[in-house]
Amino acid sequence: MDPRASEILTKVLEGTPPTKEECIYLLGFREWSPEATFARAVANDISRQKSGNTGVLFGQVGLELYPCEADCKFCSFGVSHTGFQGKLTLDEDTIRQKVHDFTKDGDLYCLWLMTMDKYDLDYYLKAVRIAREEAPPQTLLYTNIGDTDRETFVKLKEAGADGAYHVIRLGEGVYTTIPPERRQETIDNAAGAGLALQDCLEPIGSEHTPEELMDHVFKSVERKLDTVGVMKRTPVPGTEFTDEISDLRLAQIAAVNALALTALEPYPWLPIHEPNGICLVSGSNSICAETGVNPRDTAADTSAGRGLDVTACRKMLWQAGFQYLLRGDGSRVELTAEYIAKCEAAS
């Protein structure tokens, strides 16, 4: 065991958050090394202590798709490479049914409503209202939309939105046509409207250095956030990226992310995407079910492709050893094999 890595991780166990330089150092080891294994174990222990061994379920409904002029090089919707033609928009009945299916047992902490970079506000407001009517009150609603002004976020909050997912992604302005400054302005607009904020280190590829990754993470440390997730880039057919980091490397990054965030109080929730068991025993405690369109999928409904449903996600959290599920109102339900079977029987 490298002595410096051991010293850093021992200090974290004793209550001292790691510095940015120390986190960069920890990410310099190979993902199968004893140093990385120790980091994942420490992150798992701390994350479970801070959460009360509680997991969180998120859900996302993709509302519409069309060839998108933002043209993100890692997204299946980019106009220069997409296989999708024309426009697909979920109607009101379909939105209502999908929201019902995801939220009927009340276990979702929050539901994201995802649309495109450019979107019809009246349509999206209607979707938010439908979701708020259909979802139980303990399920929070979060927006996942293109760059937006403060006044619009105020309207979305009035329609029922509780928070916003908006991220300055890795390679923003290089792999996308969107300036990072514009993304940050949208984040500020959402915060100014009184919405809770979610962040994610994404989409991670093999070219991203420990320095790049920790630059993003430590900007998250500086802000008050509801969740701070980690997501790897998926090599979608048709996009220019064909490489993918392993789940073990993703778990190492998730672990160091979890360690860095020990500086925050309250400790944020730590989603991992796409869901996998090794990350859930490496500091991550949240995963997402998906239906509708998905920018990492070439299927028009990801529930028939990459996306997992709520039942599969709930079972994955249980398999990873989480004792409770947290709901959006702060209540918890005990996560047992019997409870999972009961939910499955009711579906």
Protein backbone atom coordinates (compact mmCIF):
# COMPACT_ATOMS: atom_id res chain seq x y z
CA MET A 1 0.00 0.00 0.00
CA ASP A 2 1.29 3.42 -0.95
CA PRO A 3 2.03 5.27 2.33
CA ARG A 4 0.61 8.63 1.20
CA ALA A 5 -2.64 7.09 -0.04
CA SER A 6 -2.98 5.21 3.24
CA GLU A 7 -2.41 8.42 5.20
CA ILE A 8 -4.99 10.36 3.15
CA LEU A 9 -7.66 7.69 3.56
CA THR A 10 -6.97 7.19 7.26
CA LYS A 11 -7.41 10.93 7.83
CA VAL A 12 -10.73 10.84 5.96
CA LEU A 13 -11.91 8.01 8.23
CA GLU A 14 -10.96 10.21 11.19
CA GLY A 15 -13.07 13.07 9.86
CA THR A 16 -10.71 15.19 7.74
CA PRO A 17 -11.98 15.80 4.19
CA PRO A 18 -9.34 15.30 1.49
CA THR A 19 -7.93 18.26 -0.41
CA LYS A 20 -8.23 18.59 -4.16
CA GLU A 21 -4.59 17.61 -4.58
CA GLU A 22 -5.11 14.52 -2.42
CA CYS A 23 -8.11 13.46 -4.49
CA ILE A 24 -6.11 13.88 -7.69
CA TYR A 25 -3.42 11.70 -6.13
CA LEU A 26 -5.94 8.98 -5.25
CA LEU A 27 -7.24 8.92 -8.83
CA GLY A 28 -3.72 8.36 -10.14
CA PHE A 29 -3.76 4.69 -9.11
CA ARG A 30 -5.10 1.95 -11.34
CA GLU A 31 -8.66 0.99 -10.59
CA TRP A 32 -7.68 -2.54 -9.52
CA SER A 33 -4.90 -1.39 -7.19
CA PRO A 34 -5.01 -1.84 -3.39
CA GLU A 35 -5.08 1.97 -3.08
CA ALA A 36 -8.22 2.19 -5.21
CA THR A 37 -9.79 -0.72 -3.31
CA PHE A 38 -9.09 1.02 0.02
CA ALA A 39 -10.56 4.28 -1.32
CA ARG A 40 -13.74 2.50 -2.40
CA ALA A 41 -14.07 0.83 1.01
CA VAL A 42 -13.62 4.11 2.89
CA ALA A 43 -16.11 5.89 0.63
CA ASN A 44 -18.65 3.09 1.09
CA ASP A 45 -18.30 3.25 4.87
CA ILE A 46 -18.58 7.04 5.11
CA SER A 47 -21.45 7.35 2.63
CA ARG A 48 -23.51 4.74 4.48
CA GLN A 49 -22.78 6.32 7.85
CA LYS A 50 -23.87 9.75 6.64
CA SER A 51 -27.03 8.44 4.94
CA GLY A 52 -28.06 5.92 7.59
CA ASN A 53 -27.46 3.17 5.01
CA THR A 54 -30.21 4.68 2.88
CA GLY A 55 -30.55 4.49 -0.90
CA VAL A 56 -32.41 6.81 -3.22
CA LEU A 57 -34.44 6.09 -6.35
CA PHE A 58 -34.69 8.66 -9.11
CA GLY A 59 -36.81 8.37 -12.23
CA GLN A 60 -36.77 10.11 -15.60
CA VAL A 61 -39.38 10.46 -18.31
CA GLY A 62 -38.00 11.56 -21.68
CA LEU A 63 -40.76 13.70 -23.15
CA GLU A 64 -39.65 14.39 -26.73
CA LEU A 65 -36.88 14.07 -29.25
CA TYR A 66 -35.81 15.55 -32.55
CA PRO A 67 -32.45 16.14 -34.29
CA CYS A 68 -30.93 18.64 -31.88
CA GLU A 69 -28.88 21.63 -33.01
CA ALA A 70 -26.89 21.69 -29.76
CA ASP A 71 -25.19 18.73 -31.50
CA CYS A 72 -23.42 17.29 -28.46
CA LYS A 73 -20.94 14.75 -29.81
CA PHE A 74 -21.81 12.17 -27.14
CA CYS A 75 -25.61 12.40 -27.49
CA SER A 76 -27.82 10.24 -29.68
CA PHE A 77 -29.94 13.30 -30.58
CA GLY A 78 -27.15 15.43 -32.15
CA VAL A 79 -28.25 16.74 -35.55
CA SER A 80 -24.98 15.82 -37.30
CA HIS A 81 -25.13 12.13 -36.41
CA THR A 82 -28.55 11.13 -35.04
CA GLY A 83 -30.46 8.20 -36.46
CA PHE A 84 -33.74 9.74 -35.29
CA GLN A 85 -35.79 11.53 -37.93
CA GLY A 86 -38.65 13.95 -37.45
CA LYS A 87 -40.07 14.74 -34.03
CA LEU A 88 -41.47 12.48 -31.34
CA THR A 89 -43.53 14.05 -28.55
CA LEU A 90 -45.36 12.20 -25.79
CA ASP A 91 -49.03 13.12 -25.61
CA GLU A 92 -50.78 14.00 -22.36
CA ASP A 93 -52.24 10.53 -21.79
CA THR A 94 -48.85 8.88 -22.32
CA ILE A 95 -47.13 11.31 -19.94
CA ARG A 96 -49.77 10.63 -17.32
CA GLN A 97 -49.41 6.86 -17.71
CA LYS A 98 -45.60 6.91 -17.56
CA VAL A 99 -45.60 9.14 -14.49
CA HIS A 100 -48.18 6.90 -12.83
CA ASP A 101 -46.19 3.74 -13.57
CA PHE A 102 -43.01 5.24 -12.08
CA THR A 103 -44.50 6.83 -8.99
CA LYS A 104 -47.52 4.75 -7.98
CA ASP A 105 -45.78 3.09 -5.00
CA GLY A 106 -44.38 6.40 -3.75
CA ASP A 107 -40.76 5.25 -3.58
CA LEU A 108 -39.22 7.73 -6.02
CA TYR A 109 -37.29 10.51 -4.33
CA CYS A 110 -37.69 12.63 -7.42
CA LEU A 111 -38.81 12.42 -11.03
CA TRP A 112 -36.98 14.24 -13.82
CA LEU A 113 -38.90 15.44 -16.86
CA MET A 114 -36.41 15.58 -19.71
CA THR A 115 -36.82 17.53 -22.91
CA MET A 116 -34.50 18.89 -25.58
CA ASP A 117 -32.15 21.87 -25.68
CA LYS A 118 -34.88 23.93 -27.37
CA TYR A 119 -38.35 23.19 -26.08
CA ASP A 120 -41.92 24.45 -26.17
CA LEU A 121 -42.59 26.07 -22.80
CA ASP A 122 -46.37 25.63 -22.90
CA TYR A 123 -45.96 21.91 -23.60
CA TYR A 124 -43.37 21.52 -20.85
CA LEU A 125 -45.44 23.45 -18.31
CA LYS A 126 -48.37 21.17 -19.11
CA ALA A 127 -46.16 18.13 -18.59
CA VAL A 128 -45.01 19.43 -15.20
CA ARG A 129 -48.61 20.04 -14.14
CA ILE A 130 -49.65 16.56 -15.26
CA ALA A 131 -46.75 15.02 -13.35
CA ARG A 132 -47.60 16.99 -10.23
CA GLU A 133 -51.23 15.86 -10.44
CA GLU A 134 -50.31 12.23 -11.05
CA ALA A 135 -47.31 11.72 -8.75
CA PRO A 136 -47.81 11.35 -5.00
CA PRO A 137 -46.87 14.41 -2.92
CA GLN A 138 -43.73 12.74 -1.52
CA THR A 139 -42.18 12.54 -5.01
CA LEU A 140 -40.25 15.68 -5.93
CA LEU A 141 -40.25 16.96 -9.53
CA TYR A 142 -37.05 18.15 -11.19
CA THR A 143 -36.56 19.79 -14.56
CA ASN A 144 -34.03 18.50 -17.09
CA ILE A 145 -34.19 21.08 -19.87
CA GLY A 146 -32.07 23.31 -22.08
CA ASP A 147 -30.70 26.69 -21.06
CA THR A 148 -33.47 28.75 -19.51
CA ASP A 149 -34.01 32.19 -17.98
CA ARG A 150 -34.98 32.89 -14.38
CA GLU A 151 -38.54 33.98 -15.19
CA THR A 152 -39.24 30.66 -16.87
CA PHE A 153 -37.91 28.74 -13.88
CA VAL A 154 -40.27 30.76 -11.69
CA LYS A 155 -43.16 29.60 -13.89
CA LEU A 156 -41.95 26.02 -13.70
CA LYS A 157 -41.76 26.21 -9.93
CA GLU A 158 -45.30 27.57 -9.81
CA ALA A 159 -46.38 24.63 -12.01
CA GLY A 160 -44.95 22.15 -9.51
CA ALA A 161 -41.19 21.82 -10.07
CA ASP A 162 -39.07 21.44 -6.93
CA GLY A 163 -35.60 21.44 -8.44
CA ALA A 164 -33.45 21.44 -11.55
CA TYR A 165 -30.80 19.18 -13.03
CA HIS A 166 -28.39 21.26 -15.08
CA VAL A 167 -24.70 20.58 -15.54
CA ILE A 168 -21.59 22.09 -17.09
CA ARG A 169 -20.54 18.88 -18.71
CA LEU A 170 -17.02 17.65 -19.32
CA GLY A 171 -15.97 19.03 -22.70
CA GLU A 172 -18.66 21.71 -22.69
CA GLY A 173 -18.03 24.07 -25.60
CA VAL A 174 -15.65 21.54 -27.19
CA TYR A 175 -17.84 18.46 -27.66
CA THR A 176 -20.95 20.67 -27.63
CA THR A 177 -21.95 23.97 -29.22
CA ILE A 178 -22.98 25.38 -25.83
CA PRO A 179 -20.64 27.79 -24.01
CA PRO A 180 -19.98 26.77 -20.37
CA GLU A 181 -20.91 30.31 -19.32
CA ARG A 182 -24.42 29.81 -20.67
CA ARG A 183 -24.84 26.60 -18.71
CA GLN A 184 -23.67 28.35 -15.54
CA GLU A 185 -26.10 31.19 -16.15
CA THR A 186 -28.94 28.67 -16.33
CA ILE A 187 -27.81 27.06 -13.07
CA ASP A 188 -27.82 30.50 -11.45
CA ASN A 189 -31.26 31.20 -12.90
CA ALA A 190 -32.69 28.01 -11.40
CA ALA A 191 -31.18 28.80 -8.02
CA GLY A 192 -32.52 32.35 -8.22
CA ALA A 193 -36.01 30.96 -8.79
CA GLY A 194 -35.75 28.96 -5.58
CA LEU A 195 -35.25 25.52 -7.12
CA ALA A 196 -33.00 22.91 -5.54
CA LEU A 197 -29.91 22.10 -7.64
CA GLN A 198 -28.47 18.80 -8.78
CA ASP A 199 -25.02 18.32 -10.28
CA CYS A 200 -23.16 15.44 -11.93
CA LEU A 201 -19.63 14.73 -13.09
CA GLU A 202 -20.43 13.69 -16.66
CA PRO A 203 -19.97 12.29 -19.25
CA ILE A 204 -16.66 10.72 -18.20
CA GLY A 205 -14.45 9.28 -20.93
CA SER A 206 -11.02 7.68 -20.95
CA GLU A 207 -9.39 10.96 -21.99
CA HIS A 208 -10.41 12.84 -18.85
CA THR A 209 -7.54 13.31 -16.42
CA PRO A 210 -7.77 13.25 -12.61
CA GLU A 211 -7.15 17.01 -12.69
CA GLU A 212 -10.13 17.61 -15.02
CA LEU A 213 -12.40 15.41 -12.95
CA MET A 214 -11.47 17.02 -9.64
CA ASP A 215 -11.76 20.54 -11.07
CA HIS A 216 -15.44 19.80 -11.57
CA VAL A 217 -15.93 18.01 -8.25
CA PHE A 218 -14.37 20.77 -6.18
CA LYS A 219 -16.54 23.37 -7.88
CA SER A 220 -19.44 21.24 -6.64
CA VAL A 221 -17.96 21.30 -3.14
CA GLU A 222 -18.17 25.10 -3.24
CA ARG A 223 -21.94 25.07 -3.91
CA LYS A 224 -25.03 23.97 -1.97
CA LEU A 225 -26.41 21.02 -3.91
CA ASP A 226 -29.13 18.43 -3.50
CA THR A 227 -27.22 15.68 -5.29
CA VAL A 228 -23.77 15.27 -6.83
CA GLY A 229 -23.60 12.30 -9.17
CA VAL A 230 -21.08 10.55 -11.40
CA MET A 231 -21.83 9.27 -14.91
CA LYS A 232 -19.64 7.65 -17.52
CA ARG A 233 -19.97 8.30 -21.24
CA THR A 234 -21.83 5.63 -23.16
CA PRO A 235 -20.52 4.97 -26.70
CA VAL A 236 -23.77 5.48 -28.60
CA PRO A 237 -23.70 4.12 -32.18
CA GLY A 238 -23.36 7.01 -34.60
CA THR A 239 -21.53 9.34 -32.22
CA GLU A 240 -17.80 9.96 -32.53
CA PHE A 241 -16.92 8.26 -29.23
CA THR A 242 -16.35 4.52 -29.25
CA ASP A 243 -14.41 4.09 -26.01
CA GLU A 244 -15.82 3.53 -22.53
CA ILE A 245 -14.26 3.41 -19.09
CA SER A 246 -14.84 0.26 -17.05
CA ASP A 247 -17.36 0.05 -14.22
CA LEU A 248 -14.43 -0.48 -11.85
CA ARG A 249 -12.78 2.79 -12.94
CA LEU A 250 -16.15 4.50 -12.62
CA ALA A 251 -16.43 3.11 -9.09
CA GLN A 252 -13.00 4.51 -8.24
CA ILE A 253 -14.05 7.95 -9.50
CA ALA A 254 -17.36 7.70 -7.63
CA ALA A 255 -15.47 6.83 -4.46
CA VAL A 256 -13.15 9.81 -4.68
CA ASN A 257 -16.15 12.02 -5.47
CA ALA A 258 -17.84 10.71 -2.30
CA LEU A 259 -14.69 11.38 -0.27
CA ALA A 260 -14.32 14.93 -1.57
CA LEU A 261 -17.93 15.71 -0.66
CA THR A 262 -17.38 14.85 3.01
CA ALA A 263 -16.57 18.57 3.27
CA LEU A 264 -20.29 19.32 2.75
CA GLU A 265 -23.01 19.46 5.37
CA PRO A 266 -25.61 18.20 4.77
CA TYR A 267 -23.99 15.46 2.77
CA PRO A 268 -25.56 15.30 -0.71
CA TRP A 269 -27.01 12.21 -2.36
CA LEU A 270 -24.60 10.48 -4.71
CA PRO A 271 -26.18 9.05 -7.87
CA ILE A 272 -24.32 6.72 -10.21
CA HIS A 273 -25.12 6.28 -13.88
CA GLU A 274 -25.62 3.94 -15.38
CA PRO A 275 -26.71 1.85 -12.37
CA ASN A 276 -24.28 -0.88 -11.36
CA GLY A 277 -23.59 -2.86 -8.24
CA ILE A 278 -19.90 -2.12 -7.76
CA CYS A 279 -20.46 1.64 -7.58
CA LEU A 280 -23.20 1.10 -5.00
CA VAL A 281 -20.61 -0.44 -2.68
CA SER A 282 -18.08 2.32 -3.45
CA GLY A 283 -19.83 5.40 -2.06
CA SER A 284 -22.73 5.87 -4.48
CA ASN A 285 -26.22 5.52 -3.02
CA SER A 286 -28.65 6.62 -5.75
CA ILE A 287 -29.73 5.23 -9.12
CA CYS A 288 -32.23 6.18 -11.81
CA ALA A 289 -35.04 4.37 -13.60
CA GLU A 290 -35.80 5.67 -17.10
CA THR A 291 -38.58 5.63 -19.65
CA GLY A 292 -39.19 7.55 -22.87
CA VAL A 293 -36.26 8.87 -24.88
CA ASN A 294 -32.70 8.71 -23.58
CA PRO A 295 -29.64 10.52 -24.99
CA ARG A 296 -27.52 7.41 -24.39
CA ASP A 297 -29.86 5.12 -26.34
CA THR A 298 -30.95 4.66 -29.94
CA ALA A 299 -34.37 3.26 -28.93
CA ALA A 300 -37.30 5.68 -28.96
CA ASP A 301 -38.31 4.30 -25.55
CA THR A 302 -35.34 3.41 -23.38
CA SER A 303 -37.44 1.14 -21.18
CA ALA A 304 -37.10 -1.35 -24.05
CA GLY A 305 -33.34 -0.63 -24.29
CA ARG A 306 -30.82 0.63 -21.75
CA GLY A 307 -33.25 1.96 -19.17
CA LEU A 308 -34.11 0.07 -15.98
CA ASP A 309 -37.55 0.19 -14.39
CA VAL A 310 -38.28 1.05 -10.76
CA THR A 311 -38.53 -2.60 -9.72
CA ALA A 312 -35.07 -3.43 -11.09
CA CYS A 313 -33.54 -0.34 -9.47
CA ARG A 314 -35.15 -1.06 -6.09
CA LYS A 315 -33.83 -4.61 -6.20
CA MET A 316 -30.33 -3.40 -7.14
CA LEU A 317 -30.22 -1.13 -4.10
CA TRP A 318 -31.32 -4.02 -1.88
CA GLN A 319 -28.71 -6.33 -3.41
CA ALA A 320 -26.08 -3.68 -2.61
CA GLY A 321 -27.07 -3.83 1.06
CA PHE A 322 -29.05 -0.63 1.57
CA GLN A 323 -31.44 -0.90 4.49
CA TYR A 324 -33.80 1.95 3.63
CA LEU A 325 -35.21 3.95 0.73
CA LEU A 326 -35.62 7.70 1.13
CA ARG A 327 -38.71 9.42 -0.27
CA GLY A 328 -38.87 13.03 -1.35
CA ASP A 329 -40.68 14.12 1.82
CA GLY A 330 -37.86 12.80 4.01
CA SER A 331 -39.68 9.63 5.07
CA ARG A 332 -37.96 6.28 4.76
CA VAL A 333 -39.24 2.81 3.98
CA GLU A 334 -37.39 -0.32 5.08
CA LEU A 335 -35.91 -2.11 2.07
CA THR A 336 -36.42 -5.83 2.54
CA ALA A 337 -36.94 -8.83 0.29
CA GLU A 338 -40.55 -8.95 1.51
CA TYR A 339 -41.12 -5.30 0.64
CA ILE A 340 -39.66 -5.81 -2.85
CA ALA A 341 -41.90 -8.83 -3.41
CA LYS A 342 -44.93 -6.82 -2.27
CA CYS A 343 -44.13 -4.02 -4.74
CA GLU A 344 -43.59 -6.51 -7.56
CA ALA A 345 -46.93 -8.18 -6.83
CA ALA A 346 -48.69 -4.82 -7.03
CA SER A 347 -47.09 -3.82 -10.34
